[in-house]
Amino acid sequence: CSENGLCRLECYGSEMLVAYCMFQLE
């Protein structure tokens, strides 16, 4: 998602939330 991002349930501490995916994934 969004360039180099990955959809996850919750972002890790070393990651930044940049958008939302389907089903309220980050």
mmCIF file of all heavy atoms, coordinates in Angstrom:
data_MODEL
# 
_entry.id   MODEL 
# 
loop_
_atom_site.group_PDB 
_atom_site.id 
_atom_site.type_symbol 
_atom_site.label_atom_id 
_atom_site.label_alt_id 
_atom_site.label_comp_id 
_atom_site.label_asym_id 
_atom_site.label_entity_id 
_atom_site.label_seq_id 
_atom_site.pdbx_PDB_ins_code 
_atom_site.Cartn_x 
_atom_site.Cartn_y 
_atom_site.Cartn_z 
_atom_site.occupancy 
_atom_site.B_iso_or_equiv 
_atom_site.pdbx_formal_charge 
_atom_site.auth_seq_id 
_atom_site.auth_comp_id 
_atom_site.auth_asym_id 
_atom_site.auth_atom_id 
_atom_site.pdbx_PDB_model_num 
ATOM 1   N N   . CYS A 1 1  ? 0.845   -1.189 0.000  1.00 0.00 ? 1  CYS A N   1 
ATOM 2   C CA  . CYS A 1 1  ? 0.000   0.000  0.000  1.00 0.00 ? 1  CYS A CA  1 
ATOM 3   C C   . CYS A 1 1  ? 0.885   1.245  0.000  1.00 0.00 ? 1  CYS A C   1 
ATOM 4   O O   . CYS A 1 1  ? 2.037   1.189  0.434  1.00 0.00 ? 1  CYS A O   1 
ATOM 5   C CB  . CYS A 1 1  ? -0.926  0.010  1.218  1.00 0.00 ? 1  CYS A CB  1 
ATOM 6   S SG  . CYS A 1 1  ? -0.045  0.070  2.786  1.00 0.00 ? 1  CYS A SG  1 
ATOM 7   N N   . SER A 1 2  ? 0.384   2.326  -0.494 1.00 0.00 ? 2  SER A N   1 
ATOM 8   C CA  . SER A 1 2  ? 1.027   3.635  -0.412 1.00 0.00 ? 2  SER A CA  1 
ATOM 9   C C   . SER A 1 2  ? 2.550   3.585  -0.549 1.00 0.00 ? 2  SER A C   1 
ATOM 10  O O   . SER A 1 2  ? 3.275   3.700  0.426  1.00 0.00 ? 2  SER A O   1 
ATOM 11  C CB  . SER A 1 2  ? 0.641   4.295  0.921  1.00 0.00 ? 2  SER A CB  1 
ATOM 12  O OG  . SER A 1 2  ? 1.159   5.601  0.985  1.00 0.00 ? 2  SER A OG  1 
ATOM 13  N N   . GLU A 1 3  ? 3.021   3.389  -1.764 1.00 0.00 ? 3  GLU A N   1 
ATOM 14  C CA  . GLU A 1 3  ? 4.457   3.303  -2.087 1.00 0.00 ? 3  GLU A CA  1 
ATOM 15  C C   . GLU A 1 3  ? 5.100   2.073  -1.464 1.00 0.00 ? 3  GLU A C   1 
ATOM 16  O O   . GLU A 1 3  ? 4.887   0.974  -1.920 1.00 0.00 ? 3  GLU A O   1 
ATOM 17  C CB  . GLU A 1 3  ? 5.193   4.568  -1.672 1.00 0.00 ? 3  GLU A CB  1 
ATOM 18  C CG  . GLU A 1 3  ? 4.713   5.815  -2.382 1.00 0.00 ? 3  GLU A CG  1 
ATOM 19  C CD  . GLU A 1 3  ? 5.332   7.080  -1.824 1.00 0.00 ? 3  GLU A CD  1 
ATOM 20  O OE1 . GLU A 1 3  ? 6.371   7.002  -1.156 1.00 0.00 ? 3  GLU A OE1 1 
ATOM 21  O OE2 . GLU A 1 3  ? 4.760   8.131  -2.070 1.00 0.00 ? 3  GLU A OE2 1 
ATOM 22  N N   . ASN A 1 4  ? 5.855   2.222  -0.377 1.00 0.00 ? 4  ASN A N   1 
ATOM 23  C CA  . ASN A 1 4  ? 6.619   1.117  0.205  1.00 0.00 ? 4  ASN A CA  1 
ATOM 24  C C   . ASN A 1 4  ? 5.941   0.505  1.427  1.00 0.00 ? 4  ASN A C   1 
ATOM 25  O O   . ASN A 1 4  ? 6.572   -0.245 2.154  1.00 0.00 ? 4  ASN A O   1 
ATOM 26  C CB  . ASN A 1 4  ? 8.012   1.596  0.638  1.00 0.00 ? 4  ASN A CB  1 
ATOM 27  C CG  . ASN A 1 4  ? 8.784   2.176  -0.518 1.00 0.00 ? 4  ASN A CG  1 
ATOM 28  O OD1 . ASN A 1 4  ? 8.327   2.179  -1.643 1.00 0.00 ? 4  ASN A OD1 1 
ATOM 29  N ND2 . ASN A 1 4  ? 9.964   2.674  -0.237 1.00 0.00 ? 4  ASN A ND2 1 
ATOM 30  N N   . GLY A 1 5  ? 4.685   0.814  1.678  1.00 0.00 ? 5  GLY A N   1 
ATOM 31  C CA  . GLY A 1 5  ? 4.026   0.363  2.894  1.00 0.00 ? 5  GLY A CA  1 
ATOM 32  C C   . GLY A 1 5  ? 3.451   -1.040 2.806  1.00 0.00 ? 5  GLY A C   1 
ATOM 33  O O   . GLY A 1 5  ? 3.331   -1.624 1.747  1.00 0.00 ? 5  GLY A O   1 
ATOM 34  N N   . LEU A 1 6  ? 3.106   -1.569 3.991  1.00 0.00 ? 6  LEU A N   1 
ATOM 35  C CA  . LEU A 1 6  ? 2.451   -2.870 4.117  1.00 0.00 ? 6  LEU A CA  1 
ATOM 36  C C   . LEU A 1 6  ? 1.234   -2.726 5.019  1.00 0.00 ? 6  LEU A C   1 
ATOM 37  O O   . LEU A 1 6  ? 1.283   -2.017 6.020  1.00 0.00 ? 6  LEU A O   1 
ATOM 38  C CB  . LEU A 1 6  ? 3.392   -3.894 4.751  1.00 0.00 ? 6  LEU A CB  1 
ATOM 39  C CG  . LEU A 1 6  ? 4.489   -4.480 3.882  1.00 0.00 ? 6  LEU A CG  1 
ATOM 40  C CD1 . LEU A 1 6  ? 5.383   -5.378 4.720  1.00 0.00 ? 6  LEU A CD1 1 
ATOM 41  C CD2 . LEU A 1 6  ? 3.912   -5.259 2.734  1.00 0.00 ? 6  LEU A CD2 1 
ATOM 42  N N   . CYS A 1 7  ? 0.146   -3.412 4.671  1.00 0.00 ? 7  CYS A N   1 
ATOM 43  C CA  . CYS A 1 7  ? -1.041  -3.412 5.513  1.00 0.00 ? 7  CYS A CA  1 
ATOM 44  C C   . CYS A 1 7  ? -0.827  -4.362 6.687  1.00 0.00 ? 7  CYS A C   1 
ATOM 45  O O   . CYS A 1 7  ? -0.429  -5.507 6.498  1.00 0.00 ? 7  CYS A O   1 
ATOM 46  C CB  . CYS A 1 7  ? -2.255  -3.862 4.712  1.00 0.00 ? 7  CYS A CB  1 
ATOM 47  S SG  . CYS A 1 7  ? -2.720  -2.709 3.419  1.00 0.00 ? 7  CYS A SG  1 
ATOM 48  N N   . ARG A 1 8  ? -1.077  -3.869 7.898  1.00 0.00 ? 8  ARG A N   1 
ATOM 49  C CA  . ARG A 1 8  ? -0.933  -4.682 9.110  1.00 0.00 ? 8  ARG A CA  1 
ATOM 50  C C   . ARG A 1 8  ? -2.050  -4.348 10.077 1.00 0.00 ? 8  ARG A C   1 
ATOM 51  O O   . ARG A 1 8  ? -2.710  -3.333 9.966  1.00 0.00 ? 8  ARG A O   1 
ATOM 52  C CB  . ARG A 1 8  ? 0.396   -4.375 9.795  1.00 0.00 ? 8  ARG A CB  1 
ATOM 53  C CG  . ARG A 1 8  ? 1.566   -4.723 8.957  1.00 0.00 ? 8  ARG A CG  1 
ATOM 54  C CD  . ARG A 1 8  ? 2.780   -4.862 9.805  1.00 0.00 ? 8  ARG A CD  1 
ATOM 55  N NE  . ARG A 1 8  ? 3.843   -5.345 8.929  1.00 0.00 ? 8  ARG A NE  1 
ATOM 56  C CZ  . ARG A 1 8  ? 5.100   -5.100 9.086  1.00 0.00 ? 8  ARG A CZ  1 
ATOM 57  N NH1 . ARG A 1 8  ? 5.496   -4.387 10.097 1.00 0.00 ? 8  ARG A NH1 1 
ATOM 58  N NH2 . ARG A 1 8  ? 5.982   -5.570 8.261  1.00 0.00 ? 8  ARG A NH2 1 
ATOM 59  N N   . LEU A 1 9  ? -2.206  -5.205 11.093 1.00 0.00 ? 9  LEU A N   1 
ATOM 60  C CA  . LEU A 1 9  ? -3.189  -4.925 12.138 1.00 0.00 ? 9  LEU A CA  1 
ATOM 61  C C   . LEU A 1 9  ? -2.766  -3.708 12.948 1.00 0.00 ? 9  LEU A C   1 
ATOM 62  O O   . LEU A 1 9  ? -3.600  -2.901 13.348 1.00 0.00 ? 9  LEU A O   1 
ATOM 63  C CB  . LEU A 1 9  ? -3.339  -6.140 13.061 1.00 0.00 ? 9  LEU A CB  1 
ATOM 64  C CG  . LEU A 1 9  ? -3.961  -7.372 12.413 1.00 0.00 ? 9  LEU A CG  1 
ATOM 65  C CD1 . LEU A 1 9  ? -3.890  -8.559 13.358 1.00 0.00 ? 9  LEU A CD1 1 
ATOM 66  C CD2 . LEU A 1 9  ? -5.391  -7.097 12.012 1.00 0.00 ? 9  LEU A CD2 1 
ATOM 67  N N   . GLU A 1 10 ? -1.461  -3.580 13.196 1.00 0.00 ? 10 GLU A N   1 
ATOM 68  C CA  . GLU A 1 10 ? -0.942  -2.462 13.981 1.00 0.00 ? 10 GLU A CA  1 
ATOM 69  C C   . GLU A 1 10 ? 0.515   -2.230 13.583 1.00 0.00 ? 10 GLU A C   1 
ATOM 70  O O   . GLU A 1 10 ? 1.273   -3.177 13.391 1.00 0.00 ? 10 GLU A O   1 
ATOM 71  C CB  . GLU A 1 10 ? -1.020  -2.801 15.468 1.00 0.00 ? 10 GLU A CB  1 
ATOM 72  C CG  . GLU A 1 10 ? -0.650  -1.665 16.375 1.00 0.00 ? 10 GLU A CG  1 
ATOM 73  C CD  . GLU A 1 10 ? -0.851  -2.018 17.841 1.00 0.00 ? 10 GLU A CD  1 
ATOM 74  O OE1 . GLU A 1 10 ? -1.631  -2.939 18.141 1.00 0.00 ? 10 GLU A OE1 1 
ATOM 75  O OE2 . GLU A 1 10 ? -0.211  -1.376 18.671 1.00 0.00 ? 10 GLU A OE2 1 
ATOM 76  N N   . CYS A 1 11 ? 0.911   -0.973 13.450 1.00 0.00 ? 11 CYS A N   1 
ATOM 77  C CA  . CYS A 1 11 ? 2.292   -0.651 13.073 1.00 0.00 ? 11 CYS A CA  1 
ATOM 78  C C   . CYS A 1 11 ? 3.234   -0.945 14.241 1.00 0.00 ? 11 CYS A C   1 
ATOM 79  O O   . CYS A 1 11 ? 2.879   -0.780 15.399 1.00 0.00 ? 11 CYS A O   1 
ATOM 80  C CB  . CYS A 1 11 ? 2.417   0.819  12.697 1.00 0.00 ? 11 CYS A CB  1 
ATOM 81  S SG  . CYS A 1 11 ? 1.534   1.253  11.194 1.00 0.00 ? 11 CYS A SG  1 
ATOM 82  N N   . TYR A 1 12 ? 4.450   -1.367 13.910 1.00 0.00 ? 12 TYR A N   1 
ATOM 83  C CA  . TYR A 1 12 ? 5.481   -1.584 14.918 1.00 0.00 ? 12 TYR A CA  1 
ATOM 84  C C   . TYR A 1 12 ? 6.014   -0.234 15.386 1.00 0.00 ? 12 TYR A C   1 
ATOM 85  O O   . TYR A 1 12 ? 5.762   0.794  14.758 1.00 0.00 ? 12 TYR A O   1 
ATOM 86  C CB  . TYR A 1 12 ? 6.634   -2.418 14.353 1.00 0.00 ? 12 TYR A CB  1 
ATOM 87  C CG  . TYR A 1 12 ? 6.239   -3.818 13.929 1.00 0.00 ? 12 TYR A CG  1 
ATOM 88  C CD1 . TYR A 1 12 ? 6.597   -4.313 12.689 1.00 0.00 ? 12 TYR A CD1 1 
ATOM 89  C CD2 . TYR A 1 12 ? 5.524   -4.646 14.779 1.00 0.00 ? 12 TYR A CD2 1 
ATOM 90  C CE1 . TYR A 1 12 ? 6.250   -5.594 12.301 1.00 0.00 ? 12 TYR A CE1 1 
ATOM 91  C CE2 . TYR A 1 12 ? 5.177   -5.930 14.401 1.00 0.00 ? 12 TYR A CE2 1 
ATOM 92  C CZ  . TYR A 1 12 ? 5.538   -6.394 13.160 1.00 0.00 ? 12 TYR A CZ  1 
ATOM 93  O OH  . TYR A 1 12 ? 5.191   -7.663 12.780 1.00 0.00 ? 12 TYR A OH  1 
ATOM 94  N N   . GLY A 1 13 ? 6.790   -0.239 16.458 1.00 0.00 ? 13 GLY A N   1 
ATOM 95  C CA  . GLY A 1 13 ? 7.358   0.998  16.994 1.00 0.00 ? 13 GLY A CA  1 
ATOM 96  C C   . GLY A 1 13 ? 8.305   1.693  16.032 1.00 0.00 ? 13 GLY A C   1 
ATOM 97  O O   . GLY A 1 13 ? 8.430   2.909  16.041 1.00 0.00 ? 13 GLY A O   1 
ATOM 98  N N   . SER A 1 14 ? 8.978   0.923  15.171 1.00 0.00 ? 14 SER A N   1 
ATOM 99  C CA  . SER A 1 14 ? 9.936   1.494  14.222 1.00 0.00 ? 14 SER A CA  1 
ATOM 100 C C   . SER A 1 14 ? 9.275   1.923  12.913 1.00 0.00 ? 14 SER A C   1 
ATOM 101 O O   . SER A 1 14 ? 9.946   2.335  11.984 1.00 0.00 ? 14 SER A O   1 
ATOM 102 C CB  . SER A 1 14 ? 11.038  0.482  13.925 1.00 0.00 ? 14 SER A CB  1 
ATOM 103 O OG  . SER A 1 14 ? 10.475  -0.674 13.322 1.00 0.00 ? 14 SER A OG  1 
ATOM 104 N N   . GLU A 1 15 ? 7.941   1.819  12.851 1.00 0.00 ? 15 GLU A N   1 
ATOM 105 C CA  . GLU A 1 15 ? 7.214   2.165  11.628 1.00 0.00 ? 15 GLU A CA  1 
ATOM 106 C C   . GLU A 1 15 ? 6.285   3.348  11.868 1.00 0.00 ? 15 GLU A C   1 
ATOM 107 O O   . GLU A 1 15 ? 5.958   3.685  12.992 1.00 0.00 ? 15 GLU A O   1 
ATOM 108 C CB  . GLU A 1 15 ? 6.390   0.977  11.149 1.00 0.00 ? 15 GLU A CB  1 
ATOM 109 C CG  . GLU A 1 15 ? 7.212   -0.207 10.741 1.00 0.00 ? 15 GLU A CG  1 
ATOM 110 C CD  . GLU A 1 15 ? 6.368   -1.393 10.355 1.00 0.00 ? 15 GLU A CD  1 
ATOM 111 O OE1 . GLU A 1 15 ? 5.251   -1.542 10.886 1.00 0.00 ? 15 GLU A OE1 1 
ATOM 112 O OE2 . GLU A 1 15 ? 6.838   -2.181 9.531  1.00 0.00 ? 15 GLU A OE2 1 
ATOM 113 N N   . MET A 1 16 ? 5.863   3.951  10.751 1.00 0.00 ? 16 MET A N   1 
ATOM 114 C CA  . MET A 1 16 ? 4.958   5.098  10.829 1.00 0.00 ? 16 MET A CA  1 
ATOM 115 C C   . MET A 1 16 ? 3.683   4.786  10.060 1.00 0.00 ? 16 MET A C   1 
ATOM 116 O O   . MET A 1 16 ? 3.730   4.203  8.971  1.00 0.00 ? 16 MET A O   1 
ATOM 117 C CB  . MET A 1 16 ? 5.636   6.319  10.220 1.00 0.00 ? 16 MET A CB  1 
ATOM 118 C CG  . MET A 1 16 ? 4.834   7.569  10.308 1.00 0.00 ? 16 MET A CG  1 
ATOM 119 S SD  . MET A 1 16 ? 5.806   8.938  9.704  1.00 0.00 ? 16 MET A SD  1 
ATOM 120 C CE  . MET A 1 16 ? 4.540   9.876  8.937  1.00 0.00 ? 16 MET A CE  1 
ATOM 121 N N   . LEU A 1 17 ? 2.557   5.147  10.632 1.00 0.00 ? 17 LEU A N   1 
ATOM 122 C CA  . LEU A 1 17 ? 1.259   4.976  9.986  1.00 0.00 ? 17 LEU A CA  1 
ATOM 123 C C   . LEU A 1 17 ? 1.103   6.057  8.928  1.00 0.00 ? 17 LEU A C   1 
ATOM 124 O O   . LEU A 1 17 ? 1.210   7.239  9.227  1.00 0.00 ? 17 LEU A O   1 
ATOM 125 C CB  . LEU A 1 17 ? 0.144   5.081  11.031 1.00 0.00 ? 17 LEU A CB  1 
ATOM 126 C CG  . LEU A 1 17 ? -1.287  5.123  10.515 1.00 0.00 ? 17 LEU A CG  1 
ATOM 127 C CD1 . LEU A 1 17 ? -1.652  3.800  9.874  1.00 0.00 ? 17 LEU A CD1 1 
ATOM 128 C CD2 . LEU A 1 17 ? -2.239  5.449  11.642 1.00 0.00 ? 17 LEU A CD2 1 
ATOM 129 N N   . VAL A 1 18 ? 0.884   5.663  7.671  1.00 0.00 ? 18 VAL A N   1 
ATOM 130 C CA  . VAL A 1 18 ? 0.748   6.643  6.598  1.00 0.00 ? 18 VAL A CA  1 
ATOM 131 C C   . VAL A 1 18 ? -0.646  6.649  5.976  1.00 0.00 ? 18 VAL A C   1 
ATOM 132 O O   . VAL A 1 18 ? -1.031  7.622  5.335  1.00 0.00 ? 18 VAL A O   1 
ATOM 133 C CB  . VAL A 1 18 ? 1.809   6.430  5.488  1.00 0.00 ? 18 VAL A CB  1 
ATOM 134 C CG1 . VAL A 1 18 ? 3.184   6.746  6.017  1.00 0.00 ? 18 VAL A CG1 1 
ATOM 135 C CG2 . VAL A 1 18 ? 1.751   5.029  4.929  1.00 0.00 ? 18 VAL A CG2 1 
ATOM 136 N N   . ALA A 1 19 ? -1.408  5.556  6.140  1.00 0.00 ? 19 ALA A N   1 
ATOM 137 C CA  . ALA A 1 19 ? -2.758  5.480  5.571  1.00 0.00 ? 19 ALA A CA  1 
ATOM 138 C C   . ALA A 1 19 ? -3.486  4.295  6.208  1.00 0.00 ? 19 ALA A C   1 
ATOM 139 O O   . ALA A 1 19 ? -2.925  3.601  7.050  1.00 0.00 ? 19 ALA A O   1 
ATOM 140 C CB  . ALA A 1 19 ? -2.685  5.298  4.063  1.00 0.00 ? 19 ALA A CB  1 
ATOM 141 N N   . TYR A 1 20 ? -4.718  4.097  5.782  1.00 0.00 ? 20 TYR A N   1 
ATOM 142 C CA  . TYR A 1 20 ? -5.487  2.941  6.241  1.00 0.00 ? 20 TYR A CA  1 
ATOM 143 C C   . TYR A 1 20 ? -5.847  2.066  5.053  1.00 0.00 ? 20 TYR A C   1 
ATOM 144 O O   . TYR A 1 20 ? -6.137  2.563  3.968  1.00 0.00 ? 20 TYR A O   1 
ATOM 145 C CB  . TYR A 1 20 ? -6.760  3.376  6.971  1.00 0.00 ? 20 TYR A CB  1 
ATOM 146 C CG  . TYR A 1 20 ? -6.492  3.865  8.375  1.00 0.00 ? 20 TYR A CG  1 
ATOM 147 C CD1 . TYR A 1 20 ? -6.371  5.212  8.655  1.00 0.00 ? 20 TYR A CD1 1 
ATOM 148 C CD2 . TYR A 1 20 ? -6.346  2.962  9.413  1.00 0.00 ? 20 TYR A CD2 1 
ATOM 149 C CE1 . TYR A 1 20 ? -6.113  5.655  9.937  1.00 0.00 ? 20 TYR A CE1 1 
ATOM 150 C CE2 . TYR A 1 20 ? -6.083  3.392  10.705 1.00 0.00 ? 20 TYR A CE2 1 
ATOM 151 C CZ  . TYR A 1 20 ? -5.973  4.740  10.954 1.00 0.00 ? 20 TYR A CZ  1 
ATOM 152 O OH  . TYR A 1 20 ? -5.711  5.160  12.224 1.00 0.00 ? 20 TYR A OH  1 
ATOM 153 N N   . CYS A 1 21 ? -5.818  0.763  5.261  1.00 0.00 ? 21 CYS A N   1 
ATOM 154 C CA  . CYS A 1 21 ? -6.199  -0.211 4.241  1.00 0.00 ? 21 CYS A CA  1 
ATOM 155 C C   . CYS A 1 21 ? -7.644  -0.641 4.523  1.00 0.00 ? 21 CYS A C   1 
ATOM 156 O O   . CYS A 1 21 ? -8.279  -0.128 5.439  1.00 0.00 ? 21 CYS A O   1 
ATOM 157 C CB  . CYS A 1 21 ? -5.283  -1.420 4.296  1.00 0.00 ? 21 CYS A CB  1 
ATOM 158 S SG  . CYS A 1 21 ? -3.538  -1.022 4.148  1.00 0.00 ? 21 CYS A SG  1 
ATOM 159 N N   . MET A 1 22 ? -8.112  -1.624 3.769  1.00 0.00 ? 22 MET A N   1 
ATOM 160 C CA  . MET A 1 22 ? -9.462  -2.153 4.018  1.00 0.00 ? 22 MET A CA  1 
ATOM 161 C C   . MET A 1 22 ? -9.521  -2.827 5.374  1.00 0.00 ? 22 MET A C   1 
ATOM 162 O O   . MET A 1 22 ? -8.502  -3.245 5.918  1.00 0.00 ? 22 MET A O   1 
ATOM 163 C CB  . MET A 1 22 ? -9.834  -3.158 2.927  1.00 0.00 ? 22 MET A CB  1 
ATOM 164 C CG  . MET A 1 22 ? -10.011 -2.531 1.561  1.00 0.00 ? 22 MET A CG  1 
ATOM 165 S SD  . MET A 1 22 ? -10.399 -3.746 0.302  1.00 0.00 ? 22 MET A SD  1 
ATOM 166 C CE  . MET A 1 22 ? -12.001 -4.303 0.829  1.00 0.00 ? 22 MET A CE  1 
ATOM 167 N N   . PHE A 1 23 ? -10.710 -2.963 5.928  1.00 0.00 ? 23 PHE A N   1 
ATOM 168 C CA  . PHE A 1 23 ? -10.970 -3.633 7.204  1.00 0.00 ? 23 PHE A CA  1 
ATOM 169 C C   . PHE A 1 23 ? -10.213 -2.974 8.359  1.00 0.00 ? 23 PHE A C   1 
ATOM 170 O O   . PHE A 1 23 ? -9.792  -3.639 9.299  1.00 0.00 ? 23 PHE A O   1 
ATOM 171 C CB  . PHE A 1 23 ? -10.624 -5.130 7.141  1.00 0.00 ? 23 PHE A CB  1 
ATOM 172 C CG  . PHE A 1 23 ? -11.329 -5.853 6.032  1.00 0.00 ? 23 PHE A CG  1 
ATOM 173 C CD1 . PHE A 1 23 ? -10.630 -6.305 4.928  1.00 0.00 ? 23 PHE A CD1 1 
ATOM 174 C CD2 . PHE A 1 23 ? -12.692 -6.070 6.085  1.00 0.00 ? 23 PHE A CD2 1 
ATOM 175 C CE1 . PHE A 1 23 ? -11.277 -6.976 3.903  1.00 0.00 ? 23 PHE A CE1 1 
ATOM 176 C CE2 . PHE A 1 23 ? -13.343 -6.738 5.068  1.00 0.00 ? 23 PHE A CE2 1 
ATOM 177 C CZ  . PHE A 1 23 ? -12.633 -7.181 3.983  1.00 0.00 ? 23 PHE A CZ  1 
ATOM 178 N N   . GLN A 1 24 ? -9.990  -1.673 8.299  1.00 0.00 ? 24 GLN A N   1 
ATOM 179 C CA  . GLN A 1 24 ? -9.327  -0.881 9.346  1.00 0.00 ? 24 GLN A CA  1 
ATOM 180 C C   . GLN A 1 24 ? -7.908  -1.354 9.642  1.00 0.00 ? 24 GLN A C   1 
ATOM 181 O O   . GLN A 1 24 ? -7.414  -1.221 10.751 1.00 0.00 ? 24 GLN A O   1 
ATOM 182 C CB  . GLN A 1 24 ? -10.163 -0.856 10.619 1.00 0.00 ? 24 GLN A CB  1 
ATOM 183 C CG  . GLN A 1 24 ? -11.484 -0.160 10.433 1.00 0.00 ? 24 GLN A CG  1 
ATOM 184 C CD  . GLN A 1 24 ? -12.290 -0.090 11.706 1.00 0.00 ? 24 GLN A CD  1 
ATOM 185 O OE1 . GLN A 1 24 ? -12.008 -0.770 12.680 1.00 0.00 ? 24 GLN A OE1 1 
ATOM 186 N NE2 . GLN A 1 24 ? -13.302 0.755  11.707 1.00 0.00 ? 24 GLN A NE2 1 
ATOM 187 N N   . LEU A 1 25 ? -7.234  -1.924 8.651  1.00 0.00 ? 25 LEU A N   1 
ATOM 188 C CA  . LEU A 1 25 ? -5.822  -2.268 8.799  1.00 0.00 ? 25 LEU A CA  1 
ATOM 189 C C   . LEU A 1 25 ? -4.996  -1.008 8.571  1.00 0.00 ? 25 LEU A C   1 
ATOM 190 O O   . LEU A 1 25 ? -5.427  -0.083 7.900  1.00 0.00 ? 25 LEU A O   1 
ATOM 191 C CB  . LEU A 1 25 ? -5.420  -3.339 7.784  1.00 0.00 ? 25 LEU A CB  1 
ATOM 192 C CG  . LEU A 1 25 ? -6.106  -4.693 7.935  1.00 0.00 ? 25 LEU A CG  1 
ATOM 193 C CD1 . LEU A 1 25 ? -5.732  -5.599 6.779  1.00 0.00 ? 25 LEU A CD1 1 
ATOM 194 C CD2 . LEU A 1 25 ? -5.763  -5.339 9.248  1.00 0.00 ? 25 LEU A CD2 1 
ATOM 195 N N   . GLU A 1 26 ? -3.808  -0.962 9.140  1.00 0.00 ? 26 GLU A N   1 
ATOM 196 C CA  . GLU A 1 26 ? -2.951  0.210  9.025  1.00 0.00 ? 26 GLU A CA  1 
ATOM 197 C C   . GLU A 1 26 ? -1.900  -0.003 7.948  1.00 0.00 ? 26 GLU A C   1 
ATOM 198 O O   . GLU A 1 26 ? -1.314  -1.072 7.847  1.00 0.00 ? 26 GLU A O   1 
ATOM 199 C CB  . GLU A 1 26 ? -2.271  0.498  10.360 1.00 0.00 ? 26 GLU A CB  1 
ATOM 200 C CG  . GLU A 1 26 ? -3.248  0.822  11.458 1.00 0.00 ? 26 GLU A CG  1 
ATOM 201 C CD  . GLU A 1 26 ? -2.585  1.074  12.799 1.00 0.00 ? 26 GLU A CD  1 
ATOM 202 O OE1 . GLU A 1 26 ? -1.373  0.779  12.946 1.00 0.00 ? 26 GLU A OE1 1 
ATOM 203 O OE2 . GLU A 1 26 ? -3.271  1.577  13.691 1.00 0.00 ? 26 GLU A OE2 1 
# 
